[in-house]
């Protein structure tokens, strides 16, 4: 996964590169506005980490130019500017996220994962896991080509499993995904009912597995 760091401070750039490379990301570094423009012309990136105040230019100007050129690469702006109007200006200019300096490495990595996951999901409406295909646009599920009729809530629940095939999802997470009412989230057994129905409709009892004391996860399909 190729990322671009646009940062004119040498120490900050070095620390960012070390952090991201330790997380197995491949990173290019631009020390300023002009170098960033060249790299963006030459390469495709999954995410751009963009400093606002660059030695030879303005990160906000670069962001606007990217969007004017219809570059849809996710951009996270990194800046010491903490005023709410600054944040609004950045987001209105096309940034996907804004993180104030100094920031926590843990928070930075978490926000990056959200943007990268969102970008990956938006690139394709079709999710395939084993012999199951889910289309987020048409809201259809197929097993080996056969259409499975699901209710809206069943589809929403199964979509969450398909987007997180290796993750254990708690009952609270699943309840929150299909019901925004706090009382229902805490006291309803709708998740268990929907999962029972999903297993029946998908004709695969092990497709959604219980994780004792925690919740459920997508099994082998």
N, C-alpha and C. Protein backbone atom coordinates (compact mmCIF):
# COMPACT_ATOMS: atom_id res chain seq x y z
N UNK A 1 0.85 -1.18 0.00
CA UNK A 1 0.00 0.00 0.00
C UNK A 1 0.89 1.23 0.00
N UNK A 2 0.71 2.09 -0.98
CA UNK A 2 1.60 3.22 -1.20
C UNK A 2 0.98 4.50 -0.64
N UNK A 3 1.70 5.16 0.28
CA UNK A 3 1.24 6.39 0.90
C UNK A 3 2.19 7.53 0.57
N UNK A 4 1.68 8.75 0.60
CA UNK A 4 2.52 9.93 0.40
C UNK A 4 2.46 10.81 1.64
N UNK A 5 3.64 11.12 2.18
CA UNK A 5 3.76 12.06 3.30
C UNK A 5 4.27 13.38 2.74
N UNK A 6 3.51 14.45 2.95
CA UNK A 6 3.94 15.79 2.51
C UNK A 6 4.21 16.59 3.79
N UNK A 7 5.48 16.75 4.11
CA UNK A 7 5.89 17.36 5.37
C UNK A 7 7.24 18.03 5.20
N UNK A 8 7.31 19.33 5.52
CA UNK A 8 8.57 20.05 5.30
C UNK A 8 9.50 20.00 6.50
N UNK A 9 9.00 19.62 7.67
CA UNK A 9 9.87 19.50 8.84
C UNK A 9 10.58 18.15 8.81
N UNK A 10 11.90 18.18 8.75
CA UNK A 10 12.68 16.95 8.54
C UNK A 10 12.49 15.95 9.67
N UNK A 11 12.47 16.42 10.93
CA UNK A 11 12.33 15.51 12.07
C UNK A 11 10.95 14.87 12.09
N UNK A 12 9.92 15.68 11.87
CA UNK A 12 8.55 15.14 11.84
C UNK A 12 8.39 14.11 10.73
N UNK A 13 8.95 14.44 9.56
CA UNK A 13 8.87 13.51 8.43
C UNK A 13 9.59 12.20 8.74
N UNK A 14 10.75 12.30 9.36
CA UNK A 14 11.52 11.09 9.71
C UNK A 14 10.73 10.22 10.67
N UNK A 15 10.12 10.83 11.68
CA UNK A 15 9.34 10.07 12.66
C UNK A 15 8.13 9.40 12.01
N UNK A 16 7.46 10.13 11.12
CA UNK A 16 6.31 9.56 10.42
C UNK A 16 6.72 8.38 9.55
N UNK A 17 7.79 8.54 8.82
CA UNK A 17 8.28 7.47 7.95
C UNK A 17 8.62 6.22 8.77
N UNK A 18 9.30 6.41 9.90
CA UNK A 18 9.66 5.27 10.74
C UNK A 18 8.42 4.57 11.27
N UNK A 19 7.45 5.36 11.73
CA UNK A 19 6.21 4.78 12.26
C UNK A 19 5.46 3.98 11.21
N UNK A 20 5.26 4.58 10.05
CA UNK A 20 4.44 3.93 9.03
C UNK A 20 5.15 2.74 8.40
N UNK A 21 6.44 2.83 8.22
CA UNK A 21 7.18 1.70 7.68
C UNK A 21 7.21 0.54 8.68
N UNK A 22 7.19 0.85 9.97
CA UNK A 22 7.12 -0.22 10.97
C UNK A 22 5.77 -0.93 10.93
N UNK A 23 4.76 -0.24 10.38
CA UNK A 23 3.42 -0.83 10.21
C UNK A 23 3.24 -1.45 8.83
N UNK A 24 4.36 -1.56 8.09
CA UNK A 24 4.39 -2.24 6.78
C UNK A 24 3.76 -1.42 5.66
N UNK A 25 3.66 -0.10 5.82
CA UNK A 25 3.21 0.75 4.72
C UNK A 25 4.43 1.17 3.89
N UNK A 26 4.23 1.25 2.58
CA UNK A 26 5.28 1.80 1.71
C UNK A 26 5.01 3.30 1.58
N UNK A 27 6.01 4.13 1.87
CA UNK A 27 5.80 5.57 1.92
C UNK A 27 6.79 6.33 1.03
N UNK A 28 6.26 7.31 0.31
CA UNK A 28 7.09 8.32 -0.34
C UNK A 28 7.00 9.59 0.49
N UNK A 29 8.05 10.40 0.40
CA UNK A 29 8.07 11.64 1.17
C UNK A 29 8.35 12.82 0.26
N UNK A 30 7.51 13.84 0.39
CA UNK A 30 7.74 15.11 -0.31
C UNK A 30 8.00 16.16 0.75
N UNK A 31 9.10 16.89 0.58
CA UNK A 31 9.49 17.89 1.58
C UNK A 31 8.81 19.24 1.34
N UNK A 32 8.03 19.35 0.28
CA UNK A 32 7.38 20.62 0.01
C UNK A 32 6.32 20.52 -1.07
N UNK A 33 5.73 21.64 -1.39
CA UNK A 33 4.62 21.75 -2.34
C UNK A 33 5.00 21.25 -3.74
N UNK A 34 6.11 21.75 -4.28
CA UNK A 34 6.49 21.41 -5.65
C UNK A 34 6.83 19.92 -5.78
N UNK A 35 7.57 19.40 -4.80
CA UNK A 35 7.93 17.97 -4.84
C UNK A 35 6.68 17.11 -4.74
N UNK A 36 5.73 17.53 -3.92
CA UNK A 36 4.47 16.78 -3.77
C UNK A 36 3.71 16.74 -5.09
N UNK A 37 3.66 17.87 -5.79
CA UNK A 37 2.95 17.93 -7.08
C UNK A 37 3.57 16.96 -8.08
N UNK A 38 4.89 16.89 -8.09
CA UNK A 38 5.57 15.97 -9.02
C UNK A 38 5.25 14.52 -8.69
N UNK A 39 5.31 14.19 -7.41
CA UNK A 39 5.03 12.80 -7.01
C UNK A 39 3.58 12.42 -7.30
N UNK A 40 2.65 13.35 -7.09
CA UNK A 40 1.24 13.07 -7.37
C UNK A 40 0.99 12.90 -8.86
N UNK A 41 1.77 13.59 -9.67
CA UNK A 41 1.67 13.44 -11.14
C UNK A 41 2.21 12.09 -11.60
N UNK A 42 3.21 11.59 -10.88
CA UNK A 42 3.92 10.38 -11.32
C UNK A 42 3.35 9.09 -10.74
N UNK A 43 2.71 9.18 -9.57
CA UNK A 43 2.34 7.96 -8.85
C UNK A 43 0.88 7.99 -8.39
N UNK A 44 0.40 6.79 -8.06
CA UNK A 44 -0.93 6.65 -7.48
C UNK A 44 -0.77 6.29 -6.01
N UNK A 45 -1.54 6.94 -5.13
CA UNK A 45 -1.41 6.71 -3.70
C UNK A 45 -2.74 6.30 -3.08
N UNK A 46 -2.65 5.47 -2.05
CA UNK A 46 -3.86 5.06 -1.33
C UNK A 46 -4.29 6.11 -0.33
N UNK A 47 -3.34 6.95 0.12
CA UNK A 47 -3.63 7.97 1.12
C UNK A 47 -2.52 9.01 1.10
N UNK A 48 -2.90 10.28 1.31
CA UNK A 48 -1.93 11.37 1.42
C UNK A 48 -2.04 11.98 2.81
N UNK A 49 -0.91 12.04 3.53
CA UNK A 49 -0.83 12.76 4.80
C UNK A 49 -0.21 14.11 4.49
N UNK A 50 -0.99 15.17 4.64
CA UNK A 50 -0.61 16.48 4.11
C UNK A 50 -0.48 17.53 5.21
N UNK A 51 0.74 18.08 5.34
CA UNK A 51 0.95 19.19 6.25
C UNK A 51 0.39 20.46 5.64
N UNK A 52 -0.19 21.32 6.45
CA UNK A 52 -0.80 22.54 5.93
C UNK A 52 0.27 23.55 5.53
N UNK A 53 1.19 23.84 6.45
CA UNK A 53 2.17 24.89 6.23
C UNK A 53 3.46 24.31 5.67
N UNK A 54 3.65 24.46 4.36
CA UNK A 54 4.82 23.93 3.68
C UNK A 54 5.80 25.07 3.39
N UNK A 55 7.08 24.75 3.36
CA UNK A 55 8.10 25.77 3.17
C UNK A 55 7.97 26.54 1.88
N UNK A 56 7.54 25.85 0.81
CA UNK A 56 7.47 26.51 -0.50
C UNK A 56 6.04 26.62 -1.02
N UNK A 57 5.08 26.49 -0.13
CA UNK A 57 3.70 26.59 -0.58
C UNK A 57 2.71 26.32 0.54
N UNK A 58 1.47 26.13 0.16
CA UNK A 58 0.36 25.97 1.09
C UNK A 58 -0.30 24.62 0.85
N UNK A 59 -0.37 23.80 1.90
CA UNK A 59 -1.00 22.50 1.76
C UNK A 59 -2.45 22.57 1.37
N UNK A 60 -3.14 23.61 1.83
CA UNK A 60 -4.55 23.77 1.49
C UNK A 60 -4.72 24.05 0.00
N UNK A 61 -3.81 24.82 -0.57
CA UNK A 61 -3.83 25.08 -2.01
C UNK A 61 -3.61 23.78 -2.78
N UNK A 62 -2.65 22.99 -2.32
CA UNK A 62 -2.37 21.71 -2.97
C UNK A 62 -3.59 20.80 -2.91
N UNK A 63 -4.26 20.78 -1.77
CA UNK A 63 -5.47 19.97 -1.62
C UNK A 63 -6.54 20.41 -2.62
N UNK A 64 -6.77 21.72 -2.72
CA UNK A 64 -7.77 22.22 -3.66
C UNK A 64 -7.41 21.87 -5.09
N UNK A 65 -6.12 21.94 -5.42
CA UNK A 65 -5.68 21.59 -6.77
C UNK A 65 -5.92 20.11 -7.06
N UNK A 66 -5.68 19.26 -6.07
CA UNK A 66 -5.94 17.83 -6.24
C UNK A 66 -7.41 17.59 -6.55
N UNK A 67 -8.28 18.24 -5.80
CA UNK A 67 -9.72 18.03 -6.01
C UNK A 67 -10.18 18.64 -7.33
N UNK A 68 -9.59 19.78 -7.74
CA UNK A 68 -9.93 20.38 -9.03
C UNK A 68 -9.56 19.46 -10.18
N UNK A 69 -8.49 18.67 -9.97
CA UNK A 69 -8.04 17.71 -10.99
C UNK A 69 -8.78 16.38 -10.87
N UNK A 70 -9.75 16.34 -9.94
CA UNK A 70 -10.57 15.15 -9.70
C UNK A 70 -9.75 13.97 -9.20
N UNK A 71 -8.69 14.27 -8.45
CA UNK A 71 -7.96 13.22 -7.74
C UNK A 71 -8.74 12.90 -6.47
N UNK A 72 -9.25 11.67 -6.38
CA UNK A 72 -10.12 11.32 -5.25
C UNK A 72 -9.37 10.62 -4.13
N UNK A 73 -8.04 10.60 -4.20
CA UNK A 73 -7.22 9.98 -3.16
C UNK A 73 -7.58 10.56 -1.80
N UNK A 74 -7.83 9.73 -0.78
CA UNK A 74 -8.11 10.26 0.56
C UNK A 74 -6.95 11.10 1.07
N UNK A 75 -7.29 12.23 1.71
CA UNK A 75 -6.28 13.14 2.24
C UNK A 75 -6.57 13.41 3.71
N UNK A 76 -5.55 13.22 4.56
CA UNK A 76 -5.64 13.62 5.95
C UNK A 76 -4.72 14.81 6.16
N UNK A 77 -5.30 15.92 6.55
CA UNK A 77 -4.52 17.12 6.81
C UNK A 77 -3.96 17.08 8.22
N UNK A 78 -2.66 17.36 8.35
CA UNK A 78 -1.99 17.41 9.64
C UNK A 78 -1.55 18.85 9.88
N UNK A 79 -1.97 19.43 10.99
CA UNK A 79 -1.66 20.85 11.20
C UNK A 79 -1.72 21.20 12.68
N UNK A 80 -0.94 22.22 13.04
CA UNK A 80 -0.98 22.77 14.40
C UNK A 80 -2.12 23.76 14.56
N UNK A 81 -2.80 24.11 13.48
CA UNK A 81 -3.93 25.04 13.55
C UNK A 81 -5.12 24.36 14.22
N UNK A 82 -5.56 24.90 15.34
CA UNK A 82 -6.61 24.23 16.12
C UNK A 82 -7.95 24.94 16.07
N UNK A 83 -8.01 26.08 15.43
CA UNK A 83 -9.27 26.83 15.37
C UNK A 83 -10.31 26.07 14.56
N UNK A 84 -11.56 26.12 15.02
CA UNK A 84 -12.63 25.39 14.35
C UNK A 84 -12.82 25.85 12.92
N UNK A 85 -12.63 27.17 12.67
CA UNK A 85 -12.78 27.68 11.31
C UNK A 85 -11.73 27.09 10.36
N UNK A 86 -10.53 26.83 10.90
CA UNK A 86 -9.48 26.21 10.09
C UNK A 86 -9.88 24.79 9.70
N UNK A 87 -10.42 24.06 10.66
CA UNK A 87 -10.84 22.69 10.39
C UNK A 87 -11.95 22.66 9.34
N UNK A 88 -12.90 23.58 9.49
CA UNK A 88 -14.01 23.65 8.53
C UNK A 88 -13.49 23.96 7.14
N UNK A 89 -12.54 24.91 7.05
CA UNK A 89 -11.98 25.28 5.75
C UNK A 89 -11.30 24.09 5.08
N UNK A 90 -10.58 23.31 5.87
CA UNK A 90 -9.88 22.14 5.33
C UNK A 90 -10.87 21.10 4.82
N UNK A 91 -11.87 20.79 5.63
CA UNK A 91 -12.86 19.78 5.23
C UNK A 91 -13.68 20.25 4.04
N UNK A 92 -14.02 21.54 4.01
CA UNK A 92 -14.77 22.08 2.87
C UNK A 92 -13.95 22.07 1.59
N UNK A 93 -12.63 22.07 1.73
CA UNK A 93 -11.75 22.07 0.55
C UNK A 93 -11.51 20.67 0.00
N UNK A 94 -12.05 19.65 0.70
CA UNK A 94 -11.96 18.29 0.16
C UNK A 94 -11.15 17.31 0.97
N UNK A 95 -10.67 17.72 2.15
CA UNK A 95 -9.95 16.76 2.99
C UNK A 95 -10.92 15.74 3.56
N UNK A 96 -10.42 14.53 3.80
CA UNK A 96 -11.25 13.47 4.37
C UNK A 96 -11.16 13.43 5.89
N UNK A 97 -10.10 14.01 6.44
CA UNK A 97 -9.93 14.04 7.89
C UNK A 97 -8.94 15.14 8.23
N UNK A 98 -8.94 15.54 9.51
CA UNK A 98 -8.07 16.62 9.98
C UNK A 98 -7.56 16.21 11.36
N UNK A 99 -6.25 16.24 11.54
CA UNK A 99 -5.65 15.84 12.81
C UNK A 99 -4.70 16.94 13.27
N UNK A 100 -4.93 17.41 14.50
CA UNK A 100 -4.11 18.50 15.03
C UNK A 100 -2.79 17.98 15.60
N UNK A 101 -1.73 18.74 15.35
CA UNK A 101 -0.44 18.46 15.95
C UNK A 101 -0.38 19.13 17.33
N UNK A 102 0.27 18.50 18.32
CA UNK A 102 0.85 17.15 18.27
C UNK A 102 -0.26 16.10 18.40
N UNK A 103 -0.06 14.95 17.79
CA UNK A 103 -1.08 13.91 17.80
C UNK A 103 -0.48 12.60 18.30
N UNK A 104 -1.36 11.72 18.72
CA UNK A 104 -0.96 10.40 19.18
C UNK A 104 -0.74 9.48 17.98
N UNK A 105 0.33 8.70 18.01
CA UNK A 105 0.58 7.74 16.93
C UNK A 105 -0.56 6.73 16.82
N UNK A 106 -1.10 6.35 17.96
CA UNK A 106 -2.19 5.38 17.97
C UNK A 106 -3.42 5.95 17.26
N UNK A 107 -3.74 7.23 17.56
CA UNK A 107 -4.89 7.85 16.92
C UNK A 107 -4.65 8.04 15.42
N UNK A 108 -3.44 8.45 15.05
CA UNK A 108 -3.11 8.61 13.64
C UNK A 108 -3.32 7.31 12.88
N UNK A 109 -2.79 6.22 13.40
CA UNK A 109 -2.91 4.93 12.72
C UNK A 109 -4.36 4.48 12.63
N UNK A 110 -5.12 4.73 13.70
CA UNK A 110 -6.54 4.34 13.70
C UNK A 110 -7.32 5.12 12.64
N UNK A 111 -7.07 6.42 12.56
CA UNK A 111 -7.77 7.25 11.56
C UNK A 111 -7.36 6.85 10.15
N UNK A 112 -6.09 6.52 9.97
CA UNK A 112 -5.63 6.06 8.66
C UNK A 112 -6.34 4.79 8.25
N UNK A 113 -6.48 3.86 9.18
CA UNK A 113 -7.15 2.59 8.86
C UNK A 113 -8.59 2.83 8.42
N UNK A 114 -9.27 3.78 9.08
CA UNK A 114 -10.65 4.09 8.70
C UNK A 114 -10.70 4.60 7.27
N UNK A 115 -9.82 5.54 6.93
CA UNK A 115 -9.82 6.11 5.58
C UNK A 115 -9.47 5.07 4.53
N UNK A 116 -8.47 4.25 4.82
CA UNK A 116 -8.05 3.23 3.86
C UNK A 116 -9.13 2.17 3.67
N UNK A 117 -9.79 1.80 4.76
CA UNK A 117 -10.86 0.81 4.68
C UNK A 117 -12.04 1.37 3.90
N UNK A 118 -12.39 2.62 4.19
CA UNK A 118 -13.51 3.25 3.49
C UNK A 118 -13.23 3.38 2.01
N UNK A 119 -12.01 3.78 1.67
CA UNK A 119 -11.65 3.93 0.25
C UNK A 119 -11.70 2.59 -0.46
N UNK A 120 -11.23 1.55 0.21
CA UNK A 120 -11.24 0.22 -0.39
C UNK A 120 -12.66 -0.26 -0.63
N UNK A 121 -13.54 -0.02 0.35
CA UNK A 121 -14.92 -0.46 0.20
C UNK A 121 -15.66 0.30 -0.88
N UNK A 122 -15.32 1.61 -1.03
CA UNK A 122 -16.03 2.44 -2.00
C UNK A 122 -15.60 2.14 -3.43
N UNK A 123 -14.42 1.55 -3.62
CA UNK A 123 -13.94 1.28 -4.96
C UNK A 123 -14.73 0.18 -5.65
N UNK A 124 -15.33 -0.69 -4.88
CA UNK A 124 -16.10 -1.77 -5.46
C UNK A 124 -17.35 -2.00 -4.64
N UNK A 125 -18.46 -2.18 -5.30
CA UNK A 125 -19.70 -2.45 -4.59
C UNK A 125 -19.87 -3.95 -4.32
N UNK A 126 -18.97 -4.76 -4.86
CA UNK A 126 -19.09 -6.21 -4.73
C UNK A 126 -18.05 -6.75 -3.75
N UNK A 127 -18.54 -7.50 -2.77
CA UNK A 127 -17.66 -8.14 -1.78
C UNK A 127 -17.80 -9.64 -1.95
N UNK A 128 -16.68 -10.32 -2.07
CA UNK A 128 -16.70 -11.77 -2.25
C UNK A 128 -15.90 -12.42 -1.13
N UNK A 129 -16.54 -13.35 -0.43
CA UNK A 129 -15.86 -14.14 0.59
C UNK A 129 -16.25 -15.60 0.35
N UNK A 130 -15.28 -16.42 -0.02
CA UNK A 130 -15.57 -17.82 -0.33
C UNK A 130 -16.55 -17.92 -1.48
N UNK A 131 -17.66 -18.65 -1.26
CA UNK A 131 -18.65 -18.82 -2.33
C UNK A 131 -19.82 -17.84 -2.20
N UNK A 132 -19.63 -16.81 -1.36
CA UNK A 132 -20.69 -15.83 -1.13
C UNK A 132 -20.31 -14.50 -1.78
N UNK A 133 -21.26 -13.91 -2.51
CA UNK A 133 -21.07 -12.61 -3.14
C UNK A 133 -22.13 -11.66 -2.64
N UNK A 134 -21.70 -10.46 -2.19
CA UNK A 134 -22.63 -9.45 -1.71
C UNK A 134 -22.42 -8.17 -2.50
N UNK A 135 -23.51 -7.63 -3.05
CA UNK A 135 -23.45 -6.39 -3.82
C UNK A 135 -24.09 -5.28 -2.99
N UNK A 136 -23.28 -4.30 -2.56
CA UNK A 136 -23.78 -3.24 -1.71
C UNK A 136 -24.67 -2.25 -2.44
N UNK A 137 -24.55 -2.20 -3.76
CA UNK A 137 -25.37 -1.27 -4.55
C UNK A 137 -26.77 -1.82 -4.78
N UNK A 138 -26.84 -3.05 -5.27
CA UNK A 138 -28.15 -3.66 -5.52
C UNK A 138 -28.73 -4.31 -4.27
N UNK A 139 -27.89 -4.41 -3.20
CA UNK A 139 -28.30 -5.03 -1.93
C UNK A 139 -28.79 -6.46 -2.17
N UNK A 140 -27.96 -7.21 -2.88
CA UNK A 140 -28.27 -8.61 -3.17
C UNK A 140 -27.14 -9.50 -2.67
N UNK A 141 -27.51 -10.70 -2.25
CA UNK A 141 -26.55 -11.70 -1.79
C UNK A 141 -26.73 -12.96 -2.62
N UNK A 142 -25.62 -13.51 -3.09
CA UNK A 142 -25.66 -14.74 -3.89
C UNK A 142 -24.74 -15.78 -3.26
N UNK A 143 -25.18 -17.02 -3.28
CA UNK A 143 -24.33 -18.15 -2.91
C UNK A 143 -24.22 -19.04 -4.13
N UNK A 144 -23.00 -19.14 -4.66
CA UNK A 144 -22.73 -19.90 -5.88
C UNK A 144 -23.70 -19.50 -6.99
N UNK A 145 -23.97 -18.21 -7.09
CA UNK A 145 -24.81 -17.69 -8.16
C UNK A 145 -26.29 -17.65 -7.87
N UNK A 146 -26.72 -18.27 -6.78
CA UNK A 146 -28.15 -18.29 -6.45
C UNK A 146 -28.50 -17.13 -5.52
N UNK A 147 -29.53 -16.37 -5.87
CA UNK A 147 -29.93 -15.21 -5.09
C UNK A 147 -30.59 -15.65 -3.78
N UNK A 148 -30.17 -15.00 -2.69
CA UNK A 148 -30.73 -15.26 -1.37
C UNK A 148 -31.54 -14.04 -0.95
N UNK A 149 -32.80 -14.24 -0.64
CA UNK A 149 -33.69 -13.12 -0.29
C UNK A 149 -33.55 -12.80 1.20
N UNK A 150 -33.05 -11.59 1.49
CA UNK A 150 -32.87 -11.16 2.87
C UNK A 150 -33.70 -9.91 3.14
N UNK A 151 -34.12 -9.75 4.39
CA UNK A 151 -34.77 -8.51 4.79
C UNK A 151 -33.72 -7.41 4.87
N UNK A 152 -34.16 -6.16 5.00
CA UNK A 152 -33.23 -5.03 5.06
C UNK A 152 -32.27 -5.17 6.25
N UNK A 153 -32.79 -5.55 7.40
CA UNK A 153 -31.94 -5.68 8.59
C UNK A 153 -30.98 -6.86 8.46
N UNK A 154 -31.47 -7.96 7.88
CA UNK A 154 -30.60 -9.12 7.67
C UNK A 154 -29.46 -8.76 6.73
N UNK A 155 -29.78 -8.01 5.67
CA UNK A 155 -28.74 -7.61 4.73
C UNK A 155 -27.72 -6.71 5.42
N UNK A 156 -28.19 -5.71 6.18
CA UNK A 156 -27.28 -4.79 6.87
C UNK A 156 -26.35 -5.54 7.81
N UNK A 157 -26.89 -6.50 8.50
CA UNK A 157 -26.10 -7.28 9.45
C UNK A 157 -25.07 -8.14 8.71
N UNK A 158 -25.51 -8.79 7.65
CA UNK A 158 -24.59 -9.68 6.91
C UNK A 158 -23.53 -8.88 6.18
N UNK A 159 -23.89 -7.68 5.71
CA UNK A 159 -22.91 -6.81 5.06
C UNK A 159 -21.77 -6.47 6.01
N UNK A 160 -22.11 -6.22 7.28
CA UNK A 160 -21.09 -5.90 8.28
C UNK A 160 -20.14 -7.08 8.47
N UNK A 161 -20.68 -8.28 8.49
CA UNK A 161 -19.83 -9.49 8.60
C UNK A 161 -18.93 -9.63 7.38
N UNK A 162 -19.50 -9.41 6.20
CA UNK A 162 -18.73 -9.58 4.96
C UNK A 162 -17.60 -8.55 4.84
N UNK A 163 -17.81 -7.35 5.39
CA UNK A 163 -16.78 -6.33 5.35
C UNK A 163 -15.71 -6.53 6.42
N UNK A 164 -15.98 -7.42 7.37
CA UNK A 164 -15.02 -7.69 8.45
C UNK A 164 -14.88 -9.20 8.63
N UNK A 165 -14.38 -9.90 7.59
CA UNK A 165 -14.40 -11.37 7.61
C UNK A 165 -13.51 -12.01 8.66
N UNK A 166 -12.52 -11.32 9.16
CA UNK A 166 -11.61 -11.91 10.15
C UNK A 166 -11.76 -11.29 11.53
N UNK A 167 -12.86 -10.61 11.75
CA UNK A 167 -13.02 -9.86 12.99
C UNK A 167 -14.21 -10.39 13.80
N UNK A 168 -14.02 -10.50 15.12
CA UNK A 168 -15.11 -10.85 16.01
C UNK A 168 -15.91 -9.58 16.29
N UNK A 169 -17.21 -9.63 16.05
CA UNK A 169 -18.10 -8.49 16.26
C UNK A 169 -18.95 -8.74 17.50
N UNK A 170 -18.96 -7.78 18.42
CA UNK A 170 -19.73 -7.95 19.65
C UNK A 170 -21.22 -7.79 19.37
N UNK A 171 -22.04 -8.30 20.27
CA UNK A 171 -23.48 -8.13 20.12
C UNK A 171 -23.85 -6.65 20.12
N UNK A 172 -23.14 -5.85 20.94
CA UNK A 172 -23.43 -4.42 20.98
C UNK A 172 -23.13 -3.78 19.63
N UNK A 173 -21.98 -4.11 19.01
CA UNK A 173 -21.64 -3.56 17.70
C UNK A 173 -22.70 -3.91 16.67
N UNK A 174 -23.13 -5.15 16.69
CA UNK A 174 -24.12 -5.61 15.72
C UNK A 174 -25.47 -4.95 15.96
N UNK A 175 -25.86 -4.82 17.24
CA UNK A 175 -27.13 -4.17 17.57
C UNK A 175 -27.10 -2.71 17.16
N UNK A 176 -25.97 -2.05 17.44
CA UNK A 176 -25.83 -0.64 17.11
C UNK A 176 -25.92 -0.42 15.60
N UNK A 177 -25.44 -1.39 14.83
CA UNK A 177 -25.43 -1.27 13.37
C UNK A 177 -26.83 -1.29 12.78
N UNK A 178 -27.74 -2.00 13.40
CA UNK A 178 -29.08 -2.14 12.83
C UNK A 178 -30.15 -1.40 13.62
N UNK A 179 -29.79 -0.86 14.79
CA UNK A 179 -30.78 -0.18 15.62
C UNK A 179 -30.09 0.91 16.41
N UNK A 180 -30.48 2.17 16.18
CA UNK A 180 -29.82 3.30 16.83
C UNK A 180 -30.47 3.68 18.17
N UNK A 181 -31.52 2.97 18.56
CA UNK A 181 -32.18 3.26 19.82
C UNK A 181 -31.40 2.62 20.97
N UNK A 182 -30.95 3.43 21.94
CA UNK A 182 -30.08 2.93 23.01
C UNK A 182 -30.73 1.84 23.84
N UNK A 183 -32.03 1.96 24.13
CA UNK A 183 -32.68 0.93 24.94
C UNK A 183 -32.70 -0.39 24.19
N UNK A 184 -33.05 -0.33 22.91
CA UNK A 184 -33.11 -1.55 22.11
C UNK A 184 -31.75 -2.20 21.97
N UNK A 185 -30.71 -1.36 21.85
CA UNK A 185 -29.35 -1.89 21.71
C UNK A 185 -28.98 -2.71 22.93
N UNK A 186 -29.35 -2.23 24.10
CA UNK A 186 -28.94 -2.89 25.35
C UNK A 186 -29.81 -4.09 25.69
N UNK A 187 -31.08 -4.06 25.31
CA UNK A 187 -32.01 -5.06 25.83
C UNK A 187 -32.62 -5.99 24.77
N UNK A 188 -32.44 -5.70 23.52
CA UNK A 188 -33.09 -6.50 22.48
C UNK A 188 -32.29 -7.75 22.14
N UNK A 189 -33.00 -8.80 21.73
CA UNK A 189 -32.35 -10.02 21.24
C UNK A 189 -32.49 -10.13 19.72
N UNK A 190 -32.72 -8.97 19.06
CA UNK A 190 -32.92 -8.97 17.62
C UNK A 190 -31.72 -9.52 16.87
N UNK A 191 -30.51 -9.23 17.36
CA UNK A 191 -29.31 -9.74 16.69
C UNK A 191 -29.35 -11.25 16.61
N UNK A 192 -29.66 -11.90 17.73
CA UNK A 192 -29.70 -13.37 17.76
C UNK A 192 -30.78 -13.91 16.82
N UNK A 193 -31.91 -13.21 16.78
CA UNK A 193 -33.00 -13.64 15.89
C UNK A 193 -32.57 -13.51 14.43
N UNK A 194 -31.96 -12.38 14.08
CA UNK A 194 -31.52 -12.17 12.70
C UNK A 194 -30.45 -13.18 12.30
N UNK A 195 -29.54 -13.48 13.19
CA UNK A 195 -28.48 -14.44 12.87
C UNK A 195 -29.06 -15.83 12.68
N UNK A 196 -30.02 -16.19 13.49
CA UNK A 196 -30.70 -17.48 13.32
C UNK A 196 -31.35 -17.55 11.94
N UNK A 197 -32.01 -16.47 11.54
CA UNK A 197 -32.67 -16.44 10.23
C UNK A 197 -31.65 -16.44 9.09
N UNK A 198 -30.54 -15.73 9.28
CA UNK A 198 -29.49 -15.72 8.26
C UNK A 198 -28.93 -17.12 8.03
N UNK A 199 -28.63 -17.80 9.11
CA UNK A 199 -28.10 -19.17 8.98
C UNK A 199 -29.07 -20.07 8.22
N UNK A 200 -30.36 -19.91 8.50
CA UNK A 200 -31.38 -20.73 7.83
C UNK A 200 -31.46 -20.38 6.35
N UNK A 201 -31.51 -19.07 6.04
CA UNK A 201 -31.66 -18.65 4.64
C UNK A 201 -30.41 -18.96 3.82
N UNK A 202 -29.24 -18.86 4.44
CA UNK A 202 -28.00 -19.12 3.73
C UNK A 202 -27.68 -20.61 3.68
N UNK A 203 -28.48 -21.41 4.40
CA UNK A 203 -28.32 -22.87 4.41
C UNK A 203 -26.93 -23.31 4.83
N UNK A 204 -26.31 -22.51 5.69
CA UNK A 204 -24.97 -22.84 6.20
C UNK A 204 -24.91 -22.46 7.67
N UNK A 205 -25.06 -23.46 8.54
CA UNK A 205 -25.12 -23.19 9.97
C UNK A 205 -23.85 -22.55 10.51
N UNK A 206 -22.70 -22.88 9.90
CA UNK A 206 -21.42 -22.39 10.41
C UNK A 206 -20.97 -21.08 9.75
N UNK A 207 -21.83 -20.50 8.90
CA UNK A 207 -21.40 -19.30 8.20
C UNK A 207 -21.20 -18.13 9.16
N UNK A 208 -22.00 -18.10 10.23
CA UNK A 208 -21.81 -17.11 11.29
C UNK A 208 -21.60 -17.89 12.59
N UNK A 209 -20.42 -17.75 13.16
CA UNK A 209 -20.03 -18.56 14.31
C UNK A 209 -20.15 -17.78 15.61
N UNK A 210 -20.61 -18.47 16.65
CA UNK A 210 -20.63 -17.89 17.99
C UNK A 210 -19.22 -17.79 18.54
N UNK A 211 -18.93 -16.67 19.20
CA UNK A 211 -17.69 -16.53 19.96
C UNK A 211 -18.14 -16.32 21.41
N UNK A 212 -18.01 -17.34 22.20
CA UNK A 212 -18.60 -17.37 23.54
C UNK A 212 -18.23 -16.13 24.37
N UNK A 213 -19.25 -15.49 24.90
CA UNK A 213 -19.04 -14.35 25.78
C UNK A 213 -18.72 -13.04 25.08
N UNK A 214 -18.61 -13.07 23.75
CA UNK A 214 -18.24 -11.85 23.02
C UNK A 214 -19.29 -11.49 21.97
N UNK A 215 -19.49 -12.39 21.02
CA UNK A 215 -20.41 -12.08 19.93
C UNK A 215 -20.33 -13.12 18.83
N UNK A 216 -20.10 -12.66 17.59
CA UNK A 216 -20.10 -13.54 16.43
C UNK A 216 -18.99 -13.14 15.46
N UNK A 217 -18.66 -14.08 14.58
CA UNK A 217 -17.74 -13.76 13.48
C UNK A 217 -18.15 -14.57 12.26
N UNK A 218 -17.74 -14.09 11.10
CA UNK A 218 -18.01 -14.81 9.86
C UNK A 218 -17.15 -16.05 9.81
N UNK A 219 -17.79 -17.20 9.60
CA UNK A 219 -17.04 -18.46 9.54
C UNK A 219 -16.58 -18.78 8.13
N UNK A 220 -16.21 -20.03 7.91
CA UNK A 220 -15.75 -20.46 6.59
C UNK A 220 -16.93 -20.55 5.64
N UNK A 221 -16.75 -19.99 4.45
CA UNK A 221 -17.83 -20.02 3.44
C UNK A 221 -17.27 -20.50 2.12
